[in-house]
Amino acid sequence: MNRQIIIHVRFAPNGRVIQISERPARLTPDQWFDVLKARADSAYRSLPRGRGVFRLSRAAVDTFKQQAVTLA
C-alpha cells in the first residue's frame, strides 16, 4: 500500500516559505518548495492565509528527497 503524505507549506507575507514539512536538513524551506513545485506541481493546492499543501505518495516524497540531497 502506498500511503498519501500531505506536505504543509506556510508562507511569509513577502512570499518566502517559512515552514514546510518533510524538508531535508540540507535544504532551506524555499529550496525544498522549489524542488516539489518543479517535480510535482499538479499535486500542489493553495490554501487561504498564506498556506498550501502537496498531496504525494510516500514513495514520491522519498524519491524527491534523494534527488534534492544530491543537488544540494
Protein backbone atom coordinates (compact mmCIF):
# COMPACT_ATOMS: atom_id res chain seq x y z
CA MET A 1 0.00 0.00 0.00
CA ASN A 2 1.32 3.43 -0.95
CA ARG A 3 0.42 5.96 1.75
CA GLN A 4 -0.50 9.54 0.90
CA ILE A 5 1.61 12.23 2.53
CA ILE A 6 0.44 15.80 2.99
CA ILE A 7 3.27 18.31 2.99
CA HIS A 8 2.19 21.56 4.62
CA VAL A 9 3.66 24.88 3.49
CA ARG A 10 3.45 28.24 5.27
CA PHE A 11 4.42 31.50 3.56
CA ALA A 12 5.55 34.85 4.92
CA PRO A 13 3.72 37.94 3.64
CA ASN A 14 6.60 38.54 1.21
CA GLY A 15 6.10 35.10 -0.39
CA ARG A 16 9.07 33.32 1.19
CA VAL A 17 8.48 29.85 2.57
CA ILE A 18 8.83 29.96 6.34
CA GLN A 19 7.83 26.38 7.11
CA ILE A 20 7.46 23.21 5.05
CA SER A 21 7.19 19.64 6.26
CA GLU A 22 9.32 16.66 5.18
CA ARG A 23 12.21 19.03 4.38
CA PRO A 24 15.69 17.52 4.05
CA ALA A 25 18.10 19.15 6.52
CA ARG A 26 20.44 20.34 3.75
CA LEU A 27 17.77 22.43 2.04
CA THR A 28 16.22 25.73 3.02
CA PRO A 29 12.42 25.87 3.11
CA ASP A 30 12.42 27.81 -0.19
CA GLN A 31 14.72 25.25 -1.87
CA TRP A 32 12.53 22.31 -0.80
CA PHE A 33 9.40 24.11 -2.05
CA ASP A 34 11.12 24.77 -5.40
CA VAL A 35 12.06 21.07 -5.72
CA LEU A 36 8.49 19.99 -5.04
CA LYS A 37 6.96 22.60 -7.37
CA ALA A 38 9.32 21.58 -10.18
CA ARG A 39 8.59 17.87 -9.83
CA ALA A 40 5.01 17.74 -8.53
CA ASP A 41 3.29 21.00 -9.39
CA SER A 42 -0.02 19.26 -10.09
CA ALA A 43 -0.04 17.89 -6.52
CA TYR A 44 0.04 21.41 -5.01
CA ARG A 45 -3.01 23.28 -3.76
CA SER A 46 -3.01 26.85 -2.45
CA LEU A 47 -4.93 27.48 0.74
CA PRO A 48 -6.04 30.75 2.31
CA ARG A 49 -3.94 32.73 4.77
CA GLY A 50 -0.53 32.06 3.26
CA ARG A 51 -0.65 28.28 3.26
CA GLY A 52 -0.58 25.41 0.81
CA VAL A 53 -0.28 21.62 0.64
CA PHE A 54 1.27 18.98 -1.57
CA ARG A 55 -0.51 15.59 -1.62
CA LEU A 56 2.02 12.95 -2.65
CA SER A 57 2.77 9.28 -2.15
CA ARG A 58 5.44 8.33 0.38
CA ALA A 59 7.49 6.83 -2.47
CA ALA A 60 7.41 10.12 -4.40
CA VAL A 61 8.45 12.16 -1.35
CA ASP A 62 11.34 9.79 -0.64
CA THR A 63 12.48 9.97 -4.27
CA PHE A 64 12.32 13.78 -4.30
CA LYS A 65 14.32 13.90 -1.05
CA GLN A 66 17.05 11.70 -2.51
CA GLN A 67 17.22 13.77 -5.70
CA ALA A 68 17.26 17.05 -3.75
CA VAL A 69 20.09 15.99 -1.47
CA THR A 70 22.28 15.13 -4.45
CA LEU A 71 21.59 18.57 -5.92
CA ALA A 72 22.38 20.47 -2.71
